[in-house]
Amino acid sequence: QVQLVESGGGSVQAGGSLELSCAHSGDVYDHYCMGWVRQVSAKEREGVATLYTDGRVIYTDSVKGRFTVSQDNAKNTLYLQMNNLKPDDTAMYYCATDVLIPSLCDRPLPPYNYWGQGTQVTVSS
């Protein structure tokens, strides 16, 4: 069982920055990939970034150049640095991991089996 706990959300003005953290248990390298997903109210979830176990990171087009994923293996923590935030970035952000087979990591929204509780990010104009 993998536990994921996000933190770092909050309210900022457009153009501001936030860093989200995801503390995780277990060895995520057994789970093929790990990522950040966001959801606005009842809308569909959107994959924001996917971290592969070989270190590659894939970002959705709308956040490229503004968001950066990093990890601290010693602390078992995944980060999402968000710069130049826009009102459209307002959402609940989730950390997630574990897919059945590696190719599922290539999907825009991988079908992760483990999810955190989410952290809210609100960007005002």
C-alpha atoms as a PDB file:
ATOM      1  CA  GLN A   1       0.000   0.000   0.000  1.00  0.00           C
ATOM      2  CA  VAL A   2       1.299   3.439  -0.928  1.00  0.00           C
ATOM      3  CA  GLN A   3       0.290   6.552   0.964  1.00  0.00           C
ATOM      4  CA  LEU A   4       0.502   9.990  -0.612  1.00  0.00           C
ATOM      5  CA  VAL A   5       0.068  13.276   1.271  1.00  0.00           C
ATOM      6  CA  GLU A   6       0.034  16.572  -0.603  1.00  0.00           C
ATOM      7  CA  SER A   7       0.694  19.989   0.883  1.00  0.00           C
ATOM      8  CA  GLY A   8       1.589  23.486  -0.207  1.00  0.00           C
ATOM      9  CA  GLY A   9      -1.610  24.647  -1.826  1.00  0.00           C
ATOM     10  CA  GLY A  10      -3.040  28.084  -1.214  1.00  0.00           C
ATOM     11  CA  SER A  11      -4.293  31.289  -2.750  1.00  0.00           C
ATOM     12  CA  VAL A  12      -2.088  33.515  -4.886  1.00  0.00           C
ATOM     13  CA  GLN A  13      -2.504  36.283  -7.391  1.00  0.00           C
ATOM     14  CA  ALA A  14      -1.874  35.732 -11.068  1.00  0.00           C
ATOM     15  CA  GLY A  15       1.821  35.720 -11.806  1.00  0.00           C
ATOM     16  CA  GLY A  16       2.679  34.301  -8.407  1.00  0.00           C
ATOM     17  CA  SER A  17       4.277  31.010  -7.465  1.00  0.00           C
ATOM     18  CA  LEU A  18       3.543  28.012  -5.284  1.00  0.00           C
ATOM     19  CA  GLU A  19       5.382  24.791  -4.579  1.00  0.00           C
ATOM     20  CA  LEU A  20       3.374  21.675  -3.902  1.00  0.00           C
ATOM     21  CA  SER A  21       4.842  18.730  -2.048  1.00  0.00           C
ATOM     22  CA  CYS A  22       3.829  15.088  -2.047  1.00  0.00           C
ATOM     23  CA  ALA A  23       5.214  12.935   0.728  1.00  0.00           C
ATOM     24  CA  HIS A  24       4.948   9.287  -0.219  1.00  0.00           C
ATOM     25  CA  SER A  25       5.570   5.935   1.369  1.00  0.00           C
ATOM     26  CA  GLY A  26       6.839   2.851  -0.328  1.00  0.00           C
ATOM     27  CA  ASP A  27       9.128   2.634  -3.302  1.00  0.00           C
ATOM     28  CA  VAL A  28       7.568   4.526  -6.166  1.00  0.00           C
ATOM     29  CA  TYR A  29      10.105   2.959  -8.513  1.00  0.00           C
ATOM     30  CA  ASP A  30       7.999  -0.181  -8.291  1.00  0.00           C
ATOM     31  CA  HIS A  31       5.071   1.735  -9.760  1.00  0.00           C
ATOM     32  CA  TYR A  32       6.442   2.803 -13.158  1.00  0.00           C
ATOM     33  CA  CYS A  33       5.511   6.469 -12.868  1.00  0.00           C
ATOM     34  CA  MET A  34       4.224   9.135 -10.564  1.00  0.00           C
ATOM     35  CA  GLY A  35       2.469  12.336 -11.371  1.00  0.00           C
ATOM     36  CA  TRP A  36       0.441  15.414 -10.609  1.00  0.00           C
ATOM     37  CA  VAL A  37      -3.183  15.623 -11.638  1.00  0.00           C
ATOM     38  CA  ARG A  38      -5.625  18.486 -11.206  1.00  0.00           C
ATOM     39  CA  GLN A  39      -9.382  18.755 -11.175  1.00  0.00           C
ATOM     40  CA  VAL A  40     -11.687  21.750 -11.330  1.00  0.00           C
ATOM     41  CA  SER A  41     -14.960  21.102  -9.505  1.00  0.00           C
ATOM     42  CA  ALA A  42     -16.972  18.507 -11.413  1.00  0.00           C
ATOM     43  CA  LYS A  43     -14.835  18.700 -14.536  1.00  0.00           C
ATOM     44  CA  GLU A  44     -12.669  15.832 -15.643  1.00  0.00           C
ATOM     45  CA  ARG A  45      -9.282  15.369 -14.099  1.00  0.00           C
ATOM     46  CA  GLU A  46      -6.317  16.579 -16.136  1.00  0.00           C
ATOM     47  CA  GLY A  47      -2.847  15.134 -16.045  1.00  0.00           C
ATOM     48  CA  VAL A  48      -0.427  17.968 -15.292  1.00  0.00           C
ATOM     49  CA  ALA A  49       2.921  16.160 -15.239  1.00  0.00           C
ATOM     50  CA  THR A  50       4.174  12.587 -15.268  1.00  0.00           C
ATOM     51  CA  LEU A  51       7.510  11.526 -13.791  1.00  0.00           C
ATOM     52  CA  TYR A  52       8.953   8.322 -15.162  1.00  0.00           C
ATOM     53  CA  THR A  53      11.310   6.172 -13.124  1.00  0.00           C
ATOM     54  CA  ASP A  54      14.115   6.998 -15.574  1.00  0.00           C
ATOM     55  CA  GLY A  55      13.803  10.657 -14.631  1.00  0.00           C
ATOM     56  CA  ARG A  56      11.880  11.898 -17.667  1.00  0.00           C
ATOM     57  CA  VAL A  57       9.023  14.289 -17.021  1.00  0.00           C
ATOM     58  CA  ILE A  58       6.173  14.938 -19.417  1.00  0.00           C
ATOM     59  CA  TYR A  59       4.091  18.088 -18.943  1.00  0.00           C
ATOM     60  CA  THR A  60       0.717  18.983 -20.341  1.00  0.00           C
ATOM     61  CA  ASP A  61       1.031  21.801 -22.874  1.00  0.00           C
ATOM     62  CA  SER A  62      -0.694  24.433 -20.757  1.00  0.00           C
ATOM     63  CA  VAL A  63       1.958  24.267 -18.012  1.00  0.00           C
ATOM     64  CA  LYS A  64       5.122  23.796 -20.060  1.00  0.00           C
ATOM     65  CA  GLY A  65       7.735  26.374 -19.159  1.00  0.00           C
ATOM     66  CA  ARG A  66       5.886  27.325 -15.979  1.00  0.00           C
ATOM     67  CA  PHE A  67       5.701  24.141 -13.882  1.00  0.00           C
ATOM     68  CA  THR A  68       8.615  21.941 -12.857  1.00  0.00           C
ATOM     69  CA  VAL A  69       8.582  18.526 -11.218  1.00  0.00           C
ATOM     70  CA  SER A  70      11.402  17.466  -8.944  1.00  0.00           C
ATOM     71  CA  GLN A  71      11.943  14.850  -6.297  1.00  0.00           C
ATOM     72  CA  ASP A  72      13.978  14.315  -3.168  1.00  0.00           C
ATOM     73  CA  ASN A  73      14.503  10.582  -2.840  1.00  0.00           C
ATOM     74  CA  ALA A  74      16.038  10.922   0.612  1.00  0.00           C
ATOM     75  CA  LYS A  75      12.823  12.531   1.835  1.00  0.00           C
ATOM     76  CA  ASN A  76      10.477  10.419  -0.316  1.00  0.00           C
ATOM     77  CA  THR A  77       8.935  13.634  -1.570  1.00  0.00           C
ATOM     78  CA  LEU A  78       7.774  14.762  -4.985  1.00  0.00           C
ATOM     79  CA  TYR A  79       7.478  18.475  -5.729  1.00  0.00           C
ATOM     80  CA  LEU A  80       5.623  20.617  -8.216  1.00  0.00           C
ATOM     81  CA  GLN A  81       7.037  24.110  -8.567  1.00  0.00           C
ATOM     82  CA  MET A  82       4.443  26.342 -10.182  1.00  0.00           C
ATOM     83  CA  ASN A  83       5.507  29.736 -11.514  1.00  0.00           C
ATOM     84  CA  ASN A  84       3.646  32.459 -13.372  1.00  0.00           C
ATOM     85  CA  LEU A  85       0.365  31.042 -12.178  1.00  0.00           C
ATOM     86  CA  LYS A  86      -2.805  31.867 -14.079  1.00  0.00           C
ATOM     87  CA  PRO A  87      -6.453  31.840 -12.992  1.00  0.00           C
ATOM     88  CA  ASP A  88      -6.946  28.787 -15.229  1.00  0.00           C
ATOM     89  CA  ASP A  89      -4.532  26.901 -12.960  1.00  0.00           C
ATOM     90  CA  THR A  90      -7.094  27.070 -10.159  1.00  0.00           C
ATOM     91  CA  ALA A  91      -7.913  23.474  -9.225  1.00  0.00           C
ATOM     92  CA  MET A  92      -7.503  20.729  -6.683  1.00  0.00           C
ATOM     93  CA  TYR A  93      -4.092  19.201  -7.256  1.00  0.00           C
ATOM     94  CA  TYR A  94      -3.479  15.523  -6.600  1.00  0.00           C
ATOM     95  CA  CYS A  95      -0.364  13.426  -6.416  1.00  0.00           C
ATOM     96  CA  ALA A  96      -0.786   9.895  -7.736  1.00  0.00           C
ATOM     97  CA  THR A  97       1.203   6.800  -8.581  1.00  0.00           C
ATOM     98  CA  ASP A  98       1.146   3.174  -9.688  1.00  0.00           C
ATOM     99  CA  VAL A  99      -0.083   1.820 -12.956  1.00  0.00           C
ATOM    100  CA  LEU A 100      -0.373  -1.818 -13.983  1.00  0.00           C
ATOM    101  CA  ILE A 101       1.987  -1.685 -16.954  1.00  0.00           C
ATOM    102  CA  PRO A 102       4.588   0.907 -18.003  1.00  0.00           C
ATOM    103  CA  SER A 103       2.867   1.923 -21.243  1.00  0.00           C
ATOM    104  CA  LEU A 104      -0.039   3.326 -19.253  1.00  0.00           C
ATOM    105  CA  CYS A 105       2.280   6.088 -18.067  1.00  0.00           C
ATOM    106  CA  ASP A 106       2.210   7.472 -21.620  1.00  0.00           C
ATOM    107  CA  ARG A 107      -1.458   8.367 -21.406  1.00  0.00           C
ATOM    108  CA  PRO A 108      -2.302  12.062 -20.847  1.00  0.00           C
ATOM    109  CA  LEU A 109      -3.968  10.916 -17.636  1.00  0.00           C
ATOM    110  CA  PRO A 110      -2.473   7.613 -16.516  1.00  0.00           C
ATOM    111  CA  PRO A 111      -4.913   5.327 -14.659  1.00  0.00           C
ATOM    112  CA  TYR A 112      -3.153   5.607 -11.297  1.00  0.00           C
ATOM    113  CA  ASN A 113      -4.153   3.255  -8.516  1.00  0.00           C
ATOM    114  CA  TYR A 114      -3.019   5.368  -5.570  1.00  0.00           C
ATOM    115  CA  TRP A 115      -4.035   8.963  -4.948  1.00  0.00           C
ATOM    116  CA  GLY A 116      -3.430  11.579  -2.302  1.00  0.00           C
ATOM    117  CA  GLN A 117      -6.212  13.622  -0.737  1.00  0.00           C
ATOM    118  CA  GLY A 118      -5.419  16.696  -2.826  1.00  0.00           C
ATOM    119  CA  THR A 119      -4.429  20.271  -2.097  1.00  0.00           C
ATOM    120  CA  GLN A 120      -6.350  23.304  -3.363  1.00  0.00           C
ATOM    121  CA  VAL A 121      -4.683  25.946  -5.506  1.00  0.00           C
ATOM    122  CA  THR A 122      -6.586  29.165  -6.156  1.00  0.00           C
ATOM    123  CA  VAL A 123      -5.227  31.860  -8.472  1.00  0.00           C
ATOM    124  CA  SER A 124      -6.966  35.220  -8.573  1.00  0.00           C
ATOM    125  CA  SER A 125      -6.712  37.723 -11.396  1.00  0.00           C
END
